[in-house]
Every structure is written in structure tokens, then in C-alpha cells.
C-alpha atoms as a PDB file:
ATOM      1  CA  MET A   1      60.816 109.082  80.238  1.00  0.00           C
ATOM      2  CA  TYR A   2      64.227 110.767  80.008  1.00  0.00           C
ATOM      3  CA  LYS A   3      65.956 107.380  79.785  1.00  0.00           C
ATOM      4  CA  THR A   4      63.898 106.128  76.863  1.00  0.00           C
ATOM      5  CA  SER A   5      65.370 105.776  73.409  1.00  0.00           C
ATOM      6  CA  ARG A   6      62.526 107.959  72.130  1.00  0.00           C
ATOM      7  CA  TRP A   7      63.676 110.883  74.324  1.00  0.00           C
ATOM      8  CA  LYS A   8      67.321 110.354  73.423  1.00  0.00           C
ATOM      9  CA  LYS A   9      66.488 110.449  69.708  1.00  0.00           C
ATOM     10  CA  LEU A  10      64.308 113.526  70.148  1.00  0.00           C
ATOM     11  CA  SER A  11      67.024 115.292  72.140  1.00  0.00           C
ATOM     12  CA  VAL A  12      69.677 114.568  69.522  1.00  0.00           C
ATOM     13  CA  ALA A  13      67.390 115.664  66.685  1.00  0.00           C
ATOM     14  CA  TYR A  14      66.481 118.876  68.504  1.00  0.00           C
ATOM     15  CA  ARG A  15      70.112 119.756  69.221  1.00  0.00           C
ATOM     16  CA  ARG A  16      71.018 119.127  65.582  1.00  0.00           C
ATOM     17  CA  GLN A  17      68.536 121.814  64.577  1.00  0.00           C
ATOM     18  CA  HIS A  18      69.337 124.044  67.574  1.00  0.00           C
ATOM     19  CA  PRO A  19      73.056 123.552  68.323  1.00  0.00           C
ATOM     20  CA  LEU A  20      73.470 126.723  70.409  1.00  0.00           C
ATOM     21  CA  CYS A  21      72.183 127.581  73.874  1.00  0.00           C
ATOM     22  CA  CYS A  22      69.106 129.752  73.332  1.00  0.00           C
ATOM     23  CA  ASP A  23      69.542 131.558  76.657  1.00  0.00           C
ATOM     24  CA  CYS A  24      73.166 132.493  75.912  1.00  0.00           C
ATOM     25  CA  GLU A  25      72.166 133.595  72.408  1.00  0.00           C
ATOM     26  CA  SER A  26      69.508 135.904  73.848  1.00  0.00           C
ATOM     27  CA  ARG A  27      72.280 137.580  75.878  1.00  0.00           C
ATOM     28  CA  GLY A  28      74.642 137.900  72.897  1.00  0.00           C
ATOM     29  CA  THR A  29      76.894 134.948  73.772  1.00  0.00           C
ATOM     30  CA  ILE A  30      77.629 131.954  71.566  1.00  0.00           C
ATOM     31  CA  ARG A  31      77.812 128.689  73.494  1.00  0.00           C
ATOM     32  CA  PRO A  32      76.984 125.146  72.352  1.00  0.00           C
ATOM     33  CA  ALA A  33      73.905 123.499  73.796  1.00  0.00           C
ATOM     34  CA  ASP A  34      74.573 120.550  76.084  1.00  0.00           C
ATOM     35  CA  LEU A  35      71.006 119.403  76.586  1.00  0.00           C
ATOM     36  CA  VAL A  36      67.362 119.877  75.751  1.00  0.00           C
ATOM     37  CA  ASP A  37      65.085 121.369  78.397  1.00  0.00           C
ATOM     38  CA  HIS A  38      61.315 121.691  78.696  1.00  0.00           C
ATOM     39  CA  ILE A  39      60.073 125.284  78.721  1.00  0.00           C
ATOM     40  CA  LYS A  40      56.987 124.287  80.707  1.00  0.00           C
ATOM     41  CA  PRO A  41      58.227 121.720  83.236  1.00  0.00           C
ATOM     42  CA  ALA A  42      57.489 118.107  82.361  1.00  0.00           C
ATOM     43  CA  LYS A  43      56.405 117.366  85.936  1.00  0.00           C
ATOM     44  CA  LYS A  44      53.620 119.950  85.776  1.00  0.00           C
ATOM     45  CA  PHE A  45      52.787 119.508  82.094  1.00  0.00           C
ATOM     46  CA  PRO A  46      53.390 115.837  81.205  1.00  0.00           C
ATOM     47  CA  GLU A  47      51.143 116.209  78.157  1.00  0.00           C
ATOM     48  CA  LEU A  48      53.800 118.523  76.660  1.00  0.00           C
ATOM     49  CA  PHE A  49      56.714 116.143  77.226  1.00  0.00           C
ATOM     50  CA  TRP A  50      57.077 115.233  73.535  1.00  0.00           C
ATOM     51  CA  ASP A  51      55.947 118.594  72.133  1.00  0.00           C
ATOM     52  CA  TRP A  52      58.765 120.075  70.032  1.00  0.00           C
ATOM     53  CA  ARG A  53      57.414 123.599  70.718  1.00  0.00           C
ATOM     54  CA  ASN A  54      57.941 123.083  74.456  1.00  0.00           C
ATOM     55  CA  LEU A  55      61.658 122.384  74.082  1.00  0.00           C
ATOM     56  CA  ARG A  56      64.730 124.595  74.195  1.00  0.00           C
ATOM     57  CA  ALA A  57      68.431 123.917  73.802  1.00  0.00           C
ATOM     58  CA  LEU A  58      70.553 125.014  76.765  1.00  0.00           C
ATOM     59  CA  CYS A  59      74.106 124.785  77.998  1.00  0.00           C
ATOM     60  CA  GLN A  60      74.563 123.170  81.401  1.00  0.00           C
ATOM     61  CA  GLU A  61      75.248 126.521  83.102  1.00  0.00           C
ATOM     62  CA  CYS A  62      72.003 128.101  81.886  1.00  0.00           C
ATOM     63  CA  HIS A  63      70.045 124.961  82.694  1.00  0.00           C
ATOM     64  CA  ASN A  64      71.329 125.042  86.270  1.00  0.00           C
ATOM     65  CA  ARG A  65      70.629 128.758  86.634  1.00  0.00           C
ATOM     66  CA  ILE A  66      67.097 128.453  85.243  1.00  0.00           C
ATOM     67  CA  GLY A  67      66.472 125.445  87.484  1.00  0.00           C
ATOM     68  CA  GLU A  68      67.596 127.401  90.545  1.00  0.00           C
ATOM     69  CA  ARG A  69      65.284 130.294  89.606  1.00  0.00           C
ATOM     70  CA  VAL A  70      62.300 127.957  89.117  1.00  0.00           C
ATOM     71  CA  THR A  71      62.990 126.282  92.462  1.00  0.00           C
ATOM     72  CA  ALA A  72      63.197 129.681  94.206  1.00  0.00           C
ATOM     73  CA  GLU A  73      59.809 130.687  92.730  1.00  0.00           C
ATOM     74  CA  LYS A  74      58.054 127.757  94.418  1.00  0.00           C
END
């Protein structure tokens, strides 16, 4: 679903409204968001894939770090 035009439009619209990385902001750093991530993973919660409330804007560094932490928790 990530390659669909619907996702691409949603991602762009979300980043327009949330241009900064939310994880960096929570730590007092200002960094532009590079991508949109699902708070609850899309693989486990496919019903939340399009839910705006399940999205967050992240920079690539935070996305990678969060992904590593989630993988380690498995």
C-alpha cells in the first residue's frame, strides 16, 4: 500500500501539516520530517493504515532508531 498514489498523497498532506520530526521535537531538537510513520505498525494493525491519528512525522534517523527498538522488542 506504500506505493499507491493514495498513500503518497496522504503522506504529503500529513507532512504539510506536521513538517517537523515529532520525536526530535519531544527532545527539544528541530529537524524536518522526512517521512510519515505508523504509530501502531501497519503489519499488525492494517485497519489503521489510513487512520490520520495513527500517523507521525519522523526524520530518517528517528525512524531507523524506533524501528531498531521495535525489532529488539520482538
